């Protein structure tokens, strides 16, 4: 089976779970923080919503210079969140569906100016830093929802709010 088909199965499941989570974000708490060192609910939700853009960048470029790039997608308002997520989700999936094993084995580099942070295959990048990054921050987002009393969606089985645990 081609690598992209394996990745697409996981991508589709994780994007569906991410959409379920983002749909629960309450607009009235957009500026709420669970504690002082944390980002706001709006920042966290916006970050999760734009992370499919990292998949798009990984598949469409040989590297990313985070020191020079200020054009990574951002969400500033609740009304921008779902449309931005849907657009980036679609664009990333289109590229992933076309990716060949050869492309996925090519090296991809993250740098800050002249400093290389890491280089790994696109496949490794997609698994470890694209999908796992979304899963990690989506988990944080569910804790924001829990703290606000918003029912947490069932993602990998029942949640305490949806179905028997």
Protein backbone atom coordinates (compact mmCIF):
# COMPACT_ATOMS: atom_id res chain seq x y z
CA UNK A 1 0.00 0.00 0.00
CA UNK A 2 1.39 3.46 -0.85
CA UNK A 3 2.43 5.58 2.12
CA UNK A 4 0.00 8.35 1.25
CA UNK A 5 -2.94 5.95 1.54
CA UNK A 6 -1.86 5.03 5.06
CA UNK A 7 -1.50 8.70 5.94
CA UNK A 8 -4.86 9.62 4.37
CA UNK A 9 -6.74 7.16 6.59
CA UNK A 10 -5.25 8.76 9.68
CA UNK A 11 -5.54 12.30 8.30
CA UNK A 12 -9.25 11.93 7.56
CA UNK A 13 -9.97 10.54 11.02
CA UNK A 14 -7.93 13.21 12.80
CA UNK A 15 -9.46 16.04 10.76
CA UNK A 16 -12.97 14.77 11.55
CA UNK A 17 -12.08 14.67 15.26
CA UNK A 18 -10.54 18.13 15.03
CA UNK A 19 -13.67 19.52 13.38
CA UNK A 20 -15.86 18.02 16.13
CA UNK A 21 -13.67 19.70 18.72
CA UNK A 22 -13.53 23.09 16.98
CA UNK A 23 -17.32 23.08 16.58
CA UNK A 24 -17.61 23.09 20.39
CA UNK A 25 -15.58 26.28 20.90
CA UNK A 26 -17.88 28.85 22.52
CA UNK A 27 -17.56 32.28 20.89
CA UNK A 28 -18.49 34.02 24.15
CA UNK A 29 -15.30 32.70 25.77
CA UNK A 30 -12.91 33.53 22.89
CA UNK A 31 -10.66 35.66 25.12
CA UNK A 32 -10.77 33.32 28.16
CA UNK A 33 -7.55 31.80 29.56
CA UNK A 34 -7.37 28.81 31.93
CA UNK A 35 -4.50 30.52 33.74
CA UNK A 36 -2.07 33.40 33.17
CA UNK A 37 0.68 31.47 31.35
CA UNK A 38 -1.79 29.92 28.89
CA UNK A 39 -2.96 31.32 25.60
CA UNK A 40 -6.57 32.34 25.20
CA UNK A 41 -9.22 29.91 24.04
CA UNK A 42 -9.28 31.84 20.75
CA UNK A 43 -5.53 31.51 20.31
CA UNK A 44 -5.62 27.76 21.03
CA UNK A 45 -8.61 27.12 18.77
CA UNK A 46 -7.08 29.26 16.03
CA UNK A 47 -3.79 27.39 16.30
CA UNK A 48 -5.55 24.02 16.02
CA UNK A 49 -7.62 25.31 13.08
CA UNK A 50 -4.53 26.41 11.15
CA UNK A 51 -2.29 23.40 11.81
CA UNK A 52 -3.40 21.60 8.62
CA UNK A 53 -1.41 24.39 6.95
CA UNK A 54 1.75 22.77 8.30
CA UNK A 55 0.85 19.62 6.32
CA UNK A 56 0.38 21.77 3.23
CA UNK A 57 3.78 23.47 3.76
CA UNK A 58 5.50 20.11 4.34
CA UNK A 59 4.13 18.72 1.08
CA UNK A 60 4.60 21.82 -1.05
CA UNK A 61 8.08 23.06 0.01
CA UNK A 62 11.46 21.48 0.78
CA UNK A 63 11.84 23.54 3.97
CA UNK A 64 10.41 26.23 6.19
CA UNK A 65 12.38 29.09 7.69
CA UNK A 66 10.38 30.05 10.77
CA UNK A 67 12.60 33.07 11.27
CA UNK A 68 11.66 34.57 7.92
CA UNK A 69 8.09 33.38 7.53
CA UNK A 70 5.39 35.63 8.89
CA UNK A 71 2.74 34.47 6.47
CA UNK A 72 1.69 31.27 8.24
CA UNK A 73 -2.11 31.27 8.47
CA UNK A 74 -3.62 32.82 11.58
CA UNK A 75 -7.13 33.07 12.96
CA UNK A 76 -8.00 36.25 14.83
CA UNK A 77 -11.77 35.89 15.21
CA UNK A 78 -14.25 33.12 15.85
CA UNK A 79 -15.91 33.72 12.47
CA UNK A 80 -12.60 33.03 10.67
CA UNK A 81 -11.93 29.74 12.47
CA UNK A 82 -14.05 27.11 10.68
CA UNK A 83 -13.66 28.51 7.14
CA UNK A 84 -9.86 28.67 7.60
CA UNK A 85 -9.79 25.13 9.02
CA UNK A 86 -11.90 23.80 6.14
CA UNK A 87 -9.76 25.49 3.48
CA UNK A 88 -6.45 24.31 4.94
CA UNK A 89 -7.83 20.83 5.61
CA UNK A 90 -8.93 20.52 1.97
CA UNK A 91 -5.68 21.90 0.51
CA UNK A 92 -3.53 19.62 2.67
CA UNK A 93 -5.63 16.57 1.80
CA UNK A 94 -5.40 17.30 -1.92
CA UNK A 95 -1.59 17.38 -1.73
CA UNK A 96 -1.44 14.30 0.48
CA UNK A 97 -3.64 12.36 -1.95
CA UNK A 98 -1.20 13.16 -4.78
CA UNK A 99 2.00 12.47 -2.83
CA UNK A 100 4.16 9.59 -4.03
CA UNK A 101 6.29 7.34 -1.88
CA UNK A 102 9.34 8.99 -3.43
CA UNK A 103 8.14 12.46 -2.42
CA UNK A 104 7.32 11.29 1.08
CA UNK A 105 10.83 9.88 1.48
CA UNK A 106 12.47 13.17 0.43
CA UNK A 107 14.12 15.24 3.18
CA UNK A 108 12.31 18.22 4.64
CA UNK A 109 14.00 20.87 6.78
CA UNK A 110 12.83 23.24 9.49
CA UNK A 111 15.19 26.13 10.09
CA UNK A 112 15.44 29.49 11.75
CA UNK A 113 17.66 31.53 9.46
CA UNK A 114 20.99 29.75 9.10
CA UNK A 115 20.27 27.37 11.98
CA UNK A 116 18.82 24.02 10.96
CA UNK A 117 16.44 22.84 13.67
CA UNK A 118 15.98 19.43 12.05
CA UNK A 119 15.82 17.56 8.77
CA UNK A 120 13.75 14.41 8.33
CA UNK A 121 11.71 12.73 5.62
CA UNK A 122 8.40 14.30 4.67
CA UNK A 123 6.70 11.12 5.89
CA UNK A 124 8.28 11.47 9.34
CA UNK A 125 7.45 15.17 9.37
CA UNK A 126 3.80 14.48 8.55
CA UNK A 127 3.47 11.82 11.25
CA UNK A 128 5.50 13.39 14.05
CA UNK A 129 5.11 17.12 13.59
CA UNK A 130 1.95 17.60 11.58
CA UNK A 131 -0.56 15.02 12.81
CA UNK A 132 0.86 14.62 16.31
CA UNK A 133 1.05 18.40 16.66
CA UNK A 134 -2.67 18.71 15.86
CA UNK A 135 -3.51 15.86 18.24
CA UNK A 136 -1.45 17.43 21.03
CA UNK A 137 -3.03 20.87 20.78
CA UNK A 138 -6.50 19.43 20.21
CA UNK A 139 -6.04 17.61 23.51
CA UNK A 140 -5.17 20.90 25.17
CA UNK A 141 -8.24 22.46 23.56
CA UNK A 142 -10.47 19.74 25.02
CA UNK A 143 -9.16 20.65 28.47
CA UNK A 144 -10.08 24.28 27.83
CA UNK A 145 -13.58 23.08 26.90
CA UNK A 146 -13.78 20.91 30.03
CA UNK A 147 -12.76 23.85 32.25
CA UNK A 148 -15.52 25.94 30.67
CA UNK A 149 -18.14 23.24 31.20
CA UNK A 150 -18.49 22.58 27.46
CA UNK A 151 -19.18 18.91 26.67
CA UNK A 152 -16.05 17.27 25.26
CA UNK A 153 -16.72 15.29 22.07
CA UNK A 154 -16.04 11.57 21.83
CA UNK A 155 -12.85 11.29 19.76
CA UNK A 156 -11.39 7.77 20.12
CA UNK A 157 -14.33 6.26 21.94
CA UNK A 158 -16.84 7.63 24.42
CA UNK A 159 -16.01 10.75 26.40
CA UNK A 160 -17.31 11.46 29.89
CA UNK A 161 -19.84 13.73 28.18
CA UNK A 162 -20.84 11.44 25.31
CA UNK A 163 -21.52 7.81 26.11
CA UNK A 164 -20.62 5.57 29.00
CA UNK A 165 -17.00 5.50 30.14
